[in-house]
């Protein structure tokens, strides 16, 4: 796959406990990105943070439920990013708690697949 044209990065700031239907929102987003043929997706787990509610969420070893900030990132062609976002907008808007979505233009310097020795090709 090759990323062509104007590229953008979509970032979604959510929580590790956010769900859509019966799955974690972060897992839903990655699976949906793959189904949409996006170049790739990354989920980053935060250590501490807060959002519009001003409630600080952090990882503490004595907590049973780990509620920490999550950042979902996606880089691809700008039009594909916008289309992806419009497809997931209903899930984000129906969330019980808040989230933040940002988009910014970016320059892709390199995008290549892994070592072909491990992909089954000679």
C-alpha atoms as a PDB file:
ATOM      1  CA  UNK A   1       0.000   0.000   0.000  1.00  0.00           C
ATOM      2  CA  UNK A   2       1.190   3.510  -0.733  1.00  0.00           C
ATOM      3  CA  UNK A   3       0.039   6.776   0.775  1.00  0.00           C
ATOM      4  CA  UNK A   4      -0.456   9.299  -2.013  1.00  0.00           C
ATOM      5  CA  UNK A   5      -1.489  12.933  -2.051  1.00  0.00           C
ATOM      6  CA  UNK A   6      -2.173  15.258   0.827  1.00  0.00           C
ATOM      7  CA  UNK A   7      -1.854  13.406   4.133  1.00  0.00           C
ATOM      8  CA  UNK A   8      -3.354  14.062   7.538  1.00  0.00           C
ATOM      9  CA  UNK A   9      -3.179  12.660  11.045  1.00  0.00           C
ATOM     10  CA  UNK A  10      -6.375  12.002  12.965  1.00  0.00           C
ATOM     11  CA  UNK A  11      -6.070  11.835  16.743  1.00  0.00           C
ATOM     12  CA  UNK A  12      -8.818  10.738  19.061  1.00  0.00           C
ATOM     13  CA  UNK A  13      -8.414  11.281  22.789  1.00  0.00           C
ATOM     14  CA  UNK A  14     -10.556   8.749  24.626  1.00  0.00           C
ATOM     15  CA  UNK A  15     -10.448   6.588  27.760  1.00  0.00           C
ATOM     16  CA  UNK A  16      -9.281   3.004  28.167  1.00  0.00           C
ATOM     17  CA  UNK A  17     -12.737   2.118  29.510  1.00  0.00           C
ATOM     18  CA  UNK A  18     -14.801   3.674  26.686  1.00  0.00           C
ATOM     19  CA  UNK A  19     -16.992   1.135  24.912  1.00  0.00           C
ATOM     20  CA  UNK A  20     -19.141   0.934  21.833  1.00  0.00           C
ATOM     21  CA  UNK A  21     -21.760  -1.797  21.892  1.00  0.00           C
ATOM     22  CA  UNK A  22     -19.922  -4.652  23.622  1.00  0.00           C
ATOM     23  CA  UNK A  23     -16.284  -3.927  22.696  1.00  0.00           C
ATOM     24  CA  UNK A  24     -13.676  -1.419  23.769  1.00  0.00           C
ATOM     25  CA  UNK A  25     -13.794   1.727  21.649  1.00  0.00           C
ATOM     26  CA  UNK A  26     -10.053   1.546  20.931  1.00  0.00           C
ATOM     27  CA  UNK A  27     -10.403  -2.004  19.555  1.00  0.00           C
ATOM     28  CA  UNK A  28     -13.445  -1.000  17.508  1.00  0.00           C
ATOM     29  CA  UNK A  29     -11.511   1.913  15.995  1.00  0.00           C
ATOM     30  CA  UNK A  30      -8.533  -0.246  14.980  1.00  0.00           C
ATOM     31  CA  UNK A  31     -10.762  -2.938  13.490  1.00  0.00           C
ATOM     32  CA  UNK A  32     -12.851  -0.344  11.652  1.00  0.00           C
ATOM     33  CA  UNK A  33      -9.698   1.330  10.270  1.00  0.00           C
ATOM     34  CA  UNK A  34      -8.476  -2.008   8.952  1.00  0.00           C
ATOM     35  CA  UNK A  35     -11.837  -2.757   7.318  1.00  0.00           C
ATOM     36  CA  UNK A  36     -11.791   0.685   5.688  1.00  0.00           C
ATOM     37  CA  UNK A  37      -8.351  -0.043   4.184  1.00  0.00           C
ATOM     38  CA  UNK A  38      -6.537   2.660   6.130  1.00  0.00           C
ATOM     39  CA  UNK A  39      -2.728   2.641   5.986  1.00  0.00           C
ATOM     40  CA  UNK A  40      -2.404   1.814   9.695  1.00  0.00           C
ATOM     41  CA  UNK A  41      -3.603   2.709  13.170  1.00  0.00           C
ATOM     42  CA  UNK A  42      -1.914   3.033  16.551  1.00  0.00           C
ATOM     43  CA  UNK A  43      -3.368   3.137  20.054  1.00  0.00           C
ATOM     44  CA  UNK A  44      -1.225   4.781  22.728  1.00  0.00           C
ATOM     45  CA  UNK A  45      -1.882   4.292  26.448  1.00  0.00           C
ATOM     46  CA  UNK A  46      -1.372   7.360  28.610  1.00  0.00           C
ATOM     47  CA  UNK A  47      -0.109   7.538  32.166  1.00  0.00           C
ATOM     48  CA  UNK A  48      -2.128  10.482  33.432  1.00  0.00           C
ATOM     49  CA  UNK A  49      -4.458  13.041  31.914  1.00  0.00           C
ATOM     50  CA  UNK A  50      -7.767  14.884  32.035  1.00  0.00           C
ATOM     51  CA  UNK A  51     -10.300  16.200  29.564  1.00  0.00           C
ATOM     52  CA  UNK A  52     -13.276  18.545  29.472  1.00  0.00           C
ATOM     53  CA  UNK A  53     -14.585  17.189  32.803  1.00  0.00           C
ATOM     54  CA  UNK A  54     -11.295  18.201  34.528  1.00  0.00           C
ATOM     55  CA  UNK A  55     -11.277  14.833  36.324  1.00  0.00           C
ATOM     56  CA  UNK A  56      -7.720  13.488  36.429  1.00  0.00           C
ATOM     57  CA  UNK A  57      -7.355   9.829  35.472  1.00  0.00           C
ATOM     58  CA  UNK A  58      -4.141   7.999  36.205  1.00  0.00           C
ATOM     59  CA  UNK A  59      -2.791   4.503  36.616  1.00  0.00           C
ATOM     60  CA  UNK A  60      -2.385   3.468  40.248  1.00  0.00           C
ATOM     61  CA  UNK A  61      -1.329  -0.050  41.109  1.00  0.00           C
ATOM     62  CA  UNK A  62      -4.030  -0.463  43.753  1.00  0.00           C
ATOM     63  CA  UNK A  63      -6.923   0.254  41.401  1.00  0.00           C
ATOM     64  CA  UNK A  64      -8.868  -2.739  40.110  1.00  0.00           C
ATOM     65  CA  UNK A  65     -10.161  -0.933  37.018  1.00  0.00           C
ATOM     66  CA  UNK A  66      -7.466   0.845  35.039  1.00  0.00           C
ATOM     67  CA  UNK A  67      -9.002   4.016  33.593  1.00  0.00           C
ATOM     68  CA  UNK A  68      -6.265   5.882  31.753  1.00  0.00           C
ATOM     69  CA  UNK A  69      -6.134   8.192  28.745  1.00  0.00           C
ATOM     70  CA  UNK A  70      -5.903   6.611  25.295  1.00  0.00           C
ATOM     71  CA  UNK A  71      -4.786   8.288  22.062  1.00  0.00           C
ATOM     72  CA  UNK A  72      -5.837   6.679  18.785  1.00  0.00           C
ATOM     73  CA  UNK A  73      -3.791   7.850  15.787  1.00  0.00           C
ATOM     74  CA  UNK A  74      -4.328   7.348  12.105  1.00  0.00           C
ATOM     75  CA  UNK A  75      -2.225   8.728   9.219  1.00  0.00           C
ATOM     76  CA  UNK A  76      -3.412   8.441   5.634  1.00  0.00           C
ATOM     77  CA  UNK A  77      -4.657  10.390   2.635  1.00  0.00           C
ATOM     78  CA  UNK A  78      -6.670  13.409   3.842  1.00  0.00           C
ATOM     79  CA  UNK A  79      -9.879  12.379   2.047  1.00  0.00           C
ATOM     80  CA  UNK A  80      -9.692   8.857   3.496  1.00  0.00           C
ATOM     81  CA  UNK A  81      -9.177  10.303   7.004  1.00  0.00           C
ATOM     82  CA  UNK A  82     -12.243  12.530   6.646  1.00  0.00           C
ATOM     83  CA  UNK A  83     -14.317   9.609   5.338  1.00  0.00           C
ATOM     84  CA  UNK A  84     -13.159   7.396   8.229  1.00  0.00           C
ATOM     85  CA  UNK A  85     -14.033  10.092  10.765  1.00  0.00           C
ATOM     86  CA  UNK A  86     -17.497  10.650   9.299  1.00  0.00           C
ATOM     87  CA  UNK A  87     -18.113   6.884   9.539  1.00  0.00           C
ATOM     88  CA  UNK A  88     -17.188   6.736  13.237  1.00  0.00           C
ATOM     89  CA  UNK A  89     -18.724  10.083  14.223  1.00  0.00           C
ATOM     90  CA  UNK A  90     -22.016   8.486  15.383  1.00  0.00           C
ATOM     91  CA  UNK A  91     -20.138   6.230  17.854  1.00  0.00           C
ATOM     92  CA  UNK A  92     -18.183   9.196  19.211  1.00  0.00           C
ATOM     93  CA  UNK A  93     -21.253  11.414  19.513  1.00  0.00           C
ATOM     94  CA  UNK A  94     -23.215   8.697  21.323  1.00  0.00           C
ATOM     95  CA  UNK A  95     -20.516   8.096  23.935  1.00  0.00           C
ATOM     96  CA  UNK A  96     -21.636   8.646  27.508  1.00  0.00           C
ATOM     97  CA  UNK A  97     -18.426  10.473  28.400  1.00  0.00           C
ATOM     98  CA  UNK A  98     -16.430  12.960  26.394  1.00  0.00           C
ATOM     99  CA  UNK A  99     -13.753  12.645  23.767  1.00  0.00           C
ATOM    100  CA  UNK A 100     -11.672  14.946  21.599  1.00  0.00           C
ATOM    101  CA  UNK A 101     -10.944  14.549  17.892  1.00  0.00           C
ATOM    102  CA  UNK A 102      -8.255  16.537  16.069  1.00  0.00           C
ATOM    103  CA  UNK A 103      -6.908  16.490  12.535  1.00  0.00           C
ATOM    104  CA  UNK A 104      -3.729  18.034  11.216  1.00  0.00           C
ATOM    105  CA  UNK A 105      -1.897  18.001   7.934  1.00  0.00           C
ATOM    106  CA  UNK A 106       1.304  15.997   7.979  1.00  0.00           C
ATOM    107  CA  UNK A 107       4.110  14.991   5.637  1.00  0.00           C
ATOM    108  CA  UNK A 108       4.828  11.289   5.289  1.00  0.00           C
ATOM    109  CA  UNK A 109       8.579  10.822   4.963  1.00  0.00           C
ATOM    110  CA  UNK A 110       8.576   7.048   4.601  1.00  0.00           C
ATOM    111  CA  UNK A 111       5.917   4.352   4.647  1.00  0.00           C
ATOM    112  CA  UNK A 112       7.026   0.839   3.861  1.00  0.00           C
ATOM    113  CA  UNK A 113       5.977  -2.649   4.769  1.00  0.00           C
ATOM    114  CA  UNK A 114       8.039  -4.944   6.952  1.00  0.00           C
ATOM    115  CA  UNK A 115      10.833  -7.304   5.954  1.00  0.00           C
ATOM    116  CA  UNK A 116       9.647  -9.560   3.106  1.00  0.00           C
ATOM    117  CA  UNK A 117      11.492 -12.510   4.663  1.00  0.00           C
ATOM    118  CA  UNK A 118       8.675 -12.667   7.208  1.00  0.00           C
ATOM    119  CA  UNK A 119       5.746 -12.028   4.849  1.00  0.00           C
ATOM    120  CA  UNK A 120       5.930 -15.365   3.056  1.00  0.00           C
ATOM    121  CA  UNK A 121       7.535 -13.845  -0.046  1.00  0.00           C
ATOM    122  CA  UNK A 122      11.057 -14.656  -1.224  1.00  0.00           C
END
